[in-house]
Amino acid sequence: MSDYELFVSQCNVFAGFGKPFENANYVIYGVPFDITSTYRTGARFGPTAIRQASLNIETYSFRSGVDLEDLKFHDLGDLHVSSDTEKTLDMLEAVTKDILKAKKVPVAIGGEHTVTLGIARGLGAKASKTGIVSFDAHLDVRNEYMGLRVSHTTFMRRINETVKPEVIVEVGTRAVCKEELDYAKKAGIEFFTACDIIRNGAGNVIDCLRKALKSCGRIYLSVDMDVLDPAYIPAAQNPESEGLDPHTLLNILGAIIDKRVIGFDALEIAPEYDHGVSAVQTARVISEMLCYLEKARTNR
């Protein structure tokens, strides 16, 4: 592992335990970055709050039949982010490349959603064979917002233009502008609205996701926690009503996570806006995703 700007407190690692980097299959790291946030700020405190919440969550997953304690994961600590967005994205790209080169699965804890752009850049030459699935209330495909072309509102458009993954699919959409709808249609970015999922159930979107990802050799998953309704995630940075419930989100994730998943992130909570509920929800989502992936990778 290269000597990047990371720091970790041994008493504050995810779930309170882990393996040395060399022995780990999954590598967790925090990205305390929210420089471009335009509504609620504070996602930079997300990684610490999520780790603290994870210390108080039981480790067995009834959904997957896997115990988190049986997984080999390592918490690298937090990236020393910069006030310069591009510098932070460059560091994320480098860290992601190194983790993948070591044949390990990167798991990023945010932080605002812009960080996914840096991670996507780190997917390297195989990005063209990778499907990116984003669970998010927003499409995030504006060309610019408040004078910025790289921000939490534009990053998915930049991913489509520069990383050029095989497919981008967005799930839980319910807050867009006309510009984004026009771009998504032109660019072939498929999305599934929260309204349709709530009305018709998760089964239809699961079938559609499997079909959309069928040709992809690799999959990267990004979870903006505002995909959930604010009733479940009150500290979302950009809350939007009529969101999904945790049961539905985890059902969809469990149905599409397989051996092709090369990494994932969970982002966008500003913990100062509640009393720990959002951090607990996020820690649970990360834990369940890790267990789902372990089950898929080990054929349990």
Protein backbone atom coordinates (compact mmCIF):
# COMPACT_ATOMS: atom_id res chain seq x y z
CA MET A 1 0.00 0.00 0.00
CA SER A 2 1.43 3.38 -0.99
CA ASP A 3 2.08 6.02 1.64
CA TYR A 4 -0.99 8.19 1.11
CA GLU A 5 -2.27 10.78 3.53
CA LEU A 6 -4.33 8.54 5.81
CA PHE A 7 -4.68 8.41 9.54
CA VAL A 8 -6.44 6.00 11.89
CA SER A 9 -7.16 5.75 15.59
CA GLN A 10 -6.84 2.17 16.76
CA CYS A 11 -9.81 2.67 19.11
CA ASN A 12 -12.07 3.90 16.31
CA VAL A 13 -12.04 1.36 13.47
CA PHE A 14 -15.15 0.04 11.78
CA ALA A 15 -16.95 -2.49 14.03
CA GLY A 16 -14.06 -2.28 16.49
CA PHE A 17 -11.96 -5.03 14.94
CA GLY A 18 -10.20 -6.05 11.75
CA LYS A 19 -7.22 -7.74 10.13
CA PRO A 20 -3.85 -6.42 8.98
CA PHE A 21 -3.96 -4.91 5.51
CA GLU A 22 -1.96 -7.78 4.01
CA ASN A 23 -4.51 -10.36 5.21
CA ALA A 24 -7.66 -8.40 4.39
CA ASN A 25 -10.10 -8.96 1.53
CA TYR A 26 -11.95 -5.69 2.13
CA VAL A 27 -10.34 -2.31 2.81
CA ILE A 28 -12.41 0.39 4.48
CA TYR A 29 -11.42 4.04 4.48
CA GLY A 30 -13.14 7.32 5.33
CA VAL A 31 -13.35 10.41 3.15
CA PRO A 32 -14.27 13.39 5.39
CA PHE A 33 -14.94 15.74 2.49
CA ASP A 34 -17.89 18.13 1.97
CA ILE A 35 -16.34 21.16 0.29
CA THR A 36 -18.99 21.47 -2.46
CA SER A 37 -22.03 20.81 -0.24
CA THR A 38 -24.79 23.31 -1.03
CA TYR A 39 -27.52 22.68 1.57
CA ARG A 40 -26.60 20.98 4.82
CA THR A 41 -22.90 20.70 5.53
CA GLY A 42 -21.20 18.29 7.89
CA ALA A 43 -20.73 15.10 5.88
CA ARG A 44 -17.05 15.44 6.75
CA PHE A 45 -18.04 14.17 10.20
CA GLY A 46 -19.79 11.16 8.69
CA PRO A 47 -16.92 8.64 8.76
CA THR A 48 -16.28 9.14 12.48
CA ALA A 49 -19.98 8.95 13.40
CA ILE A 50 -20.52 5.84 11.27
CA ARG A 51 -17.55 4.07 12.83
CA GLN A 52 -18.77 4.94 16.32
CA ALA A 53 -22.24 3.63 15.50
CA SER A 54 -20.76 0.42 14.08
CA LEU A 55 -19.27 -0.39 17.48
CA ASN A 56 -22.77 -0.90 18.87
CA ILE A 57 -24.26 -3.03 16.09
CA GLU A 58 -24.40 -6.80 16.46
CA THR A 59 -22.36 -8.56 13.82
CA TYR A 60 -24.59 -11.42 12.61
CA SER A 61 -26.62 -10.82 9.44
CA PHE A 62 -29.90 -12.73 9.26
CA ARG A 63 -30.24 -11.61 5.64
CA SER A 64 -27.08 -13.30 4.42
CA GLY A 65 -26.39 -15.82 7.18
CA VAL A 66 -22.90 -14.33 7.51
CA ASP A 67 -21.24 -12.94 10.63
CA LEU A 68 -19.22 -9.78 10.12
CA GLU A 69 -16.64 -11.11 12.57
CA ASP A 70 -15.76 -13.84 10.06
CA LEU A 71 -14.80 -11.31 7.37
CA LYS A 72 -11.24 -10.24 6.73
CA PHE A 73 -11.38 -6.47 6.52
CA HIS A 74 -9.00 -3.65 7.38
CA ASP A 75 -9.83 -0.05 8.25
CA LEU A 76 -7.18 2.28 6.82
CA GLY A 77 -8.54 5.32 8.61
CA ASP A 78 -9.47 8.60 6.92
CA LEU A 79 -8.01 10.27 3.87
CA HIS A 80 -6.43 13.62 4.71
CA VAL A 81 -8.62 15.57 2.32
CA SER A 82 -7.74 18.89 0.77
CA SER A 83 -9.79 22.05 0.34
CA ASP A 84 -8.87 21.61 -3.32
CA THR A 85 -11.50 19.27 -4.77
CA GLU A 86 -9.28 18.04 -7.62
CA LYS A 87 -6.42 17.22 -5.25
CA THR A 88 -8.78 15.15 -3.10
CA LEU A 89 -10.14 13.37 -6.18
CA ASP A 90 -6.58 12.64 -7.32
CA MET A 91 -5.78 11.07 -3.94
CA LEU A 92 -8.97 8.99 -4.10
CA GLU A 93 -8.05 7.79 -7.57
CA ALA A 94 -4.59 6.73 -6.39
CA VAL A 95 -5.85 4.98 -3.24
CA THR A 96 -8.53 3.12 -5.20
CA LYS A 97 -6.01 1.96 -7.80
CA ASP A 98 -3.68 0.68 -5.08
CA ILE A 99 -6.41 -1.22 -3.25
CA LEU A 100 -7.63 -2.85 -6.47
CA LYS A 101 -4.05 -3.64 -7.51
CA ALA A 102 -3.65 -5.46 -4.18
CA LYS A 103 -6.73 -7.51 -5.19
CA LYS A 104 -8.85 -6.15 -2.38
CA VAL A 105 -12.31 -4.55 -2.32
CA PRO A 106 -12.36 -0.79 -1.53
CA VAL A 107 -15.16 0.40 0.77
CA ALA A 108 -15.38 4.18 1.12
CA ILE A 109 -17.28 5.98 3.88
CA GLY A 110 -18.22 9.59 3.15
CA GLY A 111 -18.30 12.42 2.94
CA GLU A 112 -20.25 14.03 0.08
CA HIS A 113 -21.08 12.18 -3.11
CA THR A 114 -18.47 13.97 -5.21
CA VAL A 115 -15.92 11.49 -3.85
CA THR A 116 -17.39 8.77 -6.07
CA LEU A 117 -15.89 10.58 -9.07
CA GLY A 118 -12.37 10.08 -7.69
CA ILE A 119 -13.09 6.44 -6.92
CA ALA A 120 -14.52 5.88 -10.40
CA ARG A 121 -11.37 7.35 -11.94
CA GLY A 122 -9.42 4.76 -9.98
CA LEU A 123 -11.20 1.89 -11.69
CA GLY A 124 -8.60 2.16 -14.43
CA ALA A 125 -8.65 0.67 -17.91
CA LYS A 126 -11.40 -1.80 -17.00
CA ALA A 127 -13.86 0.99 -16.27
CA SER A 128 -15.38 0.50 -19.71
CA LYS A 129 -16.47 -2.98 -18.61
CA THR A 130 -17.85 -1.77 -15.28
CA GLY A 131 -21.46 -1.06 -14.41
CA ILE A 132 -22.02 1.70 -11.84
CA VAL A 133 -25.21 1.55 -9.81
CA SER A 134 -26.03 4.61 -7.73
CA PHE A 135 -28.73 4.56 -5.05
CA ASP A 136 -29.68 8.21 -4.70
CA ALA A 137 -32.62 10.57 -4.48
CA HIS A 138 -30.90 12.72 -7.13
CA LEU A 139 -29.53 12.04 -10.61
CA ASP A 140 -26.54 14.37 -10.10
CA VAL A 141 -26.06 14.94 -13.84
CA ARG A 142 -26.24 18.73 -14.02
CA ASN A 143 -23.54 20.26 -16.19
CA GLU A 144 -22.73 22.78 -13.46
CA TYR A 145 -24.26 24.15 -10.29
CA MET A 146 -23.46 27.42 -8.52
CA GLY A 147 -20.55 27.89 -10.91
CA LEU A 148 -19.00 24.48 -10.26
CA ARG A 149 -18.60 21.79 -12.89
CA VAL A 150 -17.33 19.28 -10.31
CA SER A 151 -19.59 18.95 -7.29
CA HIS A 152 -22.06 16.64 -5.55
CA THR A 153 -24.69 17.72 -8.11
CA THR A 154 -22.59 17.10 -11.26
CA PHE A 155 -20.26 14.21 -10.47
CA MET A 156 -22.28 11.50 -12.24
CA ARG A 157 -22.23 13.49 -15.47
CA ARG A 158 -18.44 13.84 -15.15
CA ILE A 159 -18.19 10.07 -14.55
CA ASN A 160 -20.20 9.41 -17.71
CA GLU A 161 -18.11 11.84 -19.75
CA THR A 162 -14.61 10.96 -18.52
CA VAL A 163 -14.64 7.49 -16.97
CA LYS A 164 -17.13 6.12 -19.50
CA PRO A 165 -18.40 3.03 -17.63
CA GLU A 166 -20.30 0.41 -19.59
CA VAL A 167 -23.55 1.36 -17.93
CA ILE A 168 -24.84 3.76 -15.28
CA VAL A 169 -28.07 2.95 -13.47
CA GLU A 170 -29.63 5.09 -10.75
CA VAL A 171 -32.14 3.82 -8.19
CA GLY A 172 -34.50 5.72 -5.90
CA THR A 173 -34.64 8.90 -8.01
CA ARG A 174 -37.17 11.54 -6.97
CA ALA A 175 -35.48 14.96 -7.19
CA VAL A 176 -34.34 16.18 -10.61
CA CYS A 177 -34.42 19.19 -12.91
CA LYS A 178 -35.41 19.25 -16.58
CA GLU A 179 -31.78 19.55 -17.69
CA GLU A 180 -30.96 16.29 -15.93
CA LEU A 181 -33.88 14.42 -17.47
CA ASP A 182 -32.83 15.55 -20.93
CA TYR A 183 -29.20 14.56 -20.33
CA ALA A 184 -30.08 11.16 -18.86
CA LYS A 185 -32.21 10.35 -21.89
CA LYS A 186 -29.52 11.51 -24.33
CA ALA A 187 -26.74 9.68 -22.48
CA GLY A 188 -28.71 6.46 -21.99
CA ILE A 189 -28.58 6.65 -18.19
CA GLU A 190 -31.41 4.48 -16.90
CA PHE A 191 -33.08 5.37 -13.62
CA PHE A 192 -35.81 3.95 -11.43
CA THR A 193 -37.90 6.35 -9.38
CA ALA A 194 -38.69 5.84 -5.72
CA CYS A 195 -42.36 6.35 -6.57
CA ASP A 196 -42.36 3.40 -8.98
CA ILE A 197 -40.49 1.18 -6.54
CA ILE A 198 -42.87 2.01 -3.68
CA ARG A 199 -45.90 1.51 -5.92
CA ASN A 200 -44.80 -1.69 -7.66
CA GLY A 201 -42.42 -3.27 -5.15
CA ALA A 202 -38.75 -4.09 -5.46
CA GLY A 203 -39.15 -7.14 -7.70
CA ASN A 204 -39.51 -5.21 -10.95
CA VAL A 205 -36.48 -2.99 -10.39
CA ILE A 206 -34.41 -6.03 -9.36
CA ASP A 207 -35.26 -7.74 -12.66
CA CYS A 208 -34.41 -4.58 -14.60
CA LEU A 209 -31.12 -4.09 -12.76
CA ARG A 210 -30.05 -7.66 -13.41
CA LYS A 211 -30.83 -7.21 -17.09
CA ALA A 212 -28.98 -3.88 -17.29
CA LEU A 213 -25.90 -5.35 -15.58
CA LYS A 214 -25.88 -8.69 -17.38
CA SER A 215 -23.08 -7.77 -19.79
CA CYS A 216 -20.90 -6.03 -17.19
CA GLY A 217 -17.76 -7.80 -16.09
CA ARG A 218 -17.53 -5.68 -12.92
CA ILE A 219 -19.95 -3.69 -10.78
CA TYR A 220 -19.40 -0.71 -8.50
CA LEU A 221 -22.14 0.29 -6.05
CA SER A 222 -22.63 3.78 -4.60
CA VAL A 223 -25.16 4.44 -1.85
CA ASP A 224 -26.12 8.03 -1.11
CA MET A 225 -28.06 7.58 2.11
CA ASP A 226 -30.65 10.15 1.00
CA VAL A 227 -32.09 7.36 -1.13
CA LEU A 228 -33.92 6.54 2.10
CA ASP A 229 -36.87 8.61 3.27
CA PRO A 230 -35.90 11.30 5.82
CA ALA A 231 -37.98 9.41 8.39
CA TYR A 232 -35.20 6.80 8.36
CA ILE A 233 -32.23 9.06 7.64
CA PRO A 234 -32.95 12.45 9.25
CA ALA A 235 -29.34 13.63 8.91
CA ALA A 236 -29.17 13.28 5.13
CA GLN A 237 -27.30 16.23 3.61
CA ASN A 238 -30.02 16.76 1.01
CA PRO A 239 -33.20 15.12 2.33
CA GLU A 240 -36.09 14.45 -0.03
CA SER A 241 -39.50 13.06 0.97
CA GLU A 242 -41.09 9.88 -0.45
CA GLY A 243 -37.90 7.87 -0.23
CA LEU A 244 -37.29 4.16 0.17
CA ASP A 245 -37.38 2.32 3.48
CA PRO A 246 -34.30 0.36 4.70
CA HIS A 247 -35.99 -3.00 4.08
CA THR A 248 -36.52 -2.23 0.40
CA LEU A 249 -33.01 -0.81 -0.07
CA LEU A 250 -31.37 -3.85 1.50
CA ASN A 251 -33.57 -6.24 -0.49
CA ILE A 252 -32.47 -4.63 -3.76
CA LEU A 253 -28.82 -4.57 -2.74
CA GLY A 254 -28.93 -8.21 -1.68
CA ALA A 255 -30.43 -9.23 -5.00
CA ILE A 256 -27.76 -7.59 -7.17
CA ILE A 257 -24.58 -8.09 -5.12
CA ASP A 258 -22.56 -10.90 -6.64
CA LYS A 259 -18.91 -11.78 -7.33
CA ARG A 260 -18.61 -8.99 -9.87
CA VAL A 261 -18.88 -6.25 -7.22
CA ILE A 262 -15.40 -4.72 -6.94
CA GLY A 263 -16.19 -2.00 -4.41
CA PHE A 264 -18.80 0.26 -2.90
CA ASP A 265 -19.33 3.44 -0.93
CA ALA A 266 -21.91 4.80 1.54
CA LEU A 267 -22.14 8.57 1.80
CA GLU A 268 -23.89 11.86 2.54
CA ILE A 269 -24.92 11.99 6.17
CA ALA A 270 -24.30 15.10 8.28
CA PRO A 271 -24.52 13.54 11.77
CA GLU A 272 -24.97 16.81 13.67
CA TYR A 273 -28.55 16.97 12.33
CA ASP A 274 -29.78 14.04 14.42
CA HIS A 275 -28.93 11.98 17.48
CA GLY A 276 -27.16 9.08 15.81
CA VAL A 277 -30.02 7.46 13.88
CA SER A 278 -28.51 8.16 10.45
CA ALA A 279 -25.08 6.89 11.45
CA VAL A 280 -26.63 3.66 12.74
CA GLN A 281 -28.57 3.20 9.50
CA THR A 282 -25.44 3.78 7.43
CA ALA A 283 -23.32 1.44 9.53
CA ARG A 284 -25.98 -1.25 9.13
CA VAL A 285 -26.10 -0.78 5.35
CA ILE A 286 -22.30 -1.10 5.14
CA SER A 287 -22.31 -4.20 7.36
CA GLU A 288 -25.06 -5.89 5.35
CA MET A 289 -23.36 -5.08 2.05
CA LEU A 290 -20.09 -6.56 3.32
CA CYS A 291 -21.90 -9.72 4.44
CA TYR A 292 -23.80 -10.00 1.15
CA LEU A 293 -20.52 -9.66 -0.75
CA GLU A 294 -18.74 -12.19 1.44
CA LYS A 295 -21.55 -14.69 0.82
CA ALA A 296 -21.31 -14.13 -2.95
CA ARG A 297 -17.52 -14.35 -3.04
CA THR A 298 -17.30 -17.50 -0.91
CA ASN A 299 -20.43 -19.28 -2.21
CA ARG A 300 -21.82 -19.61 1.31
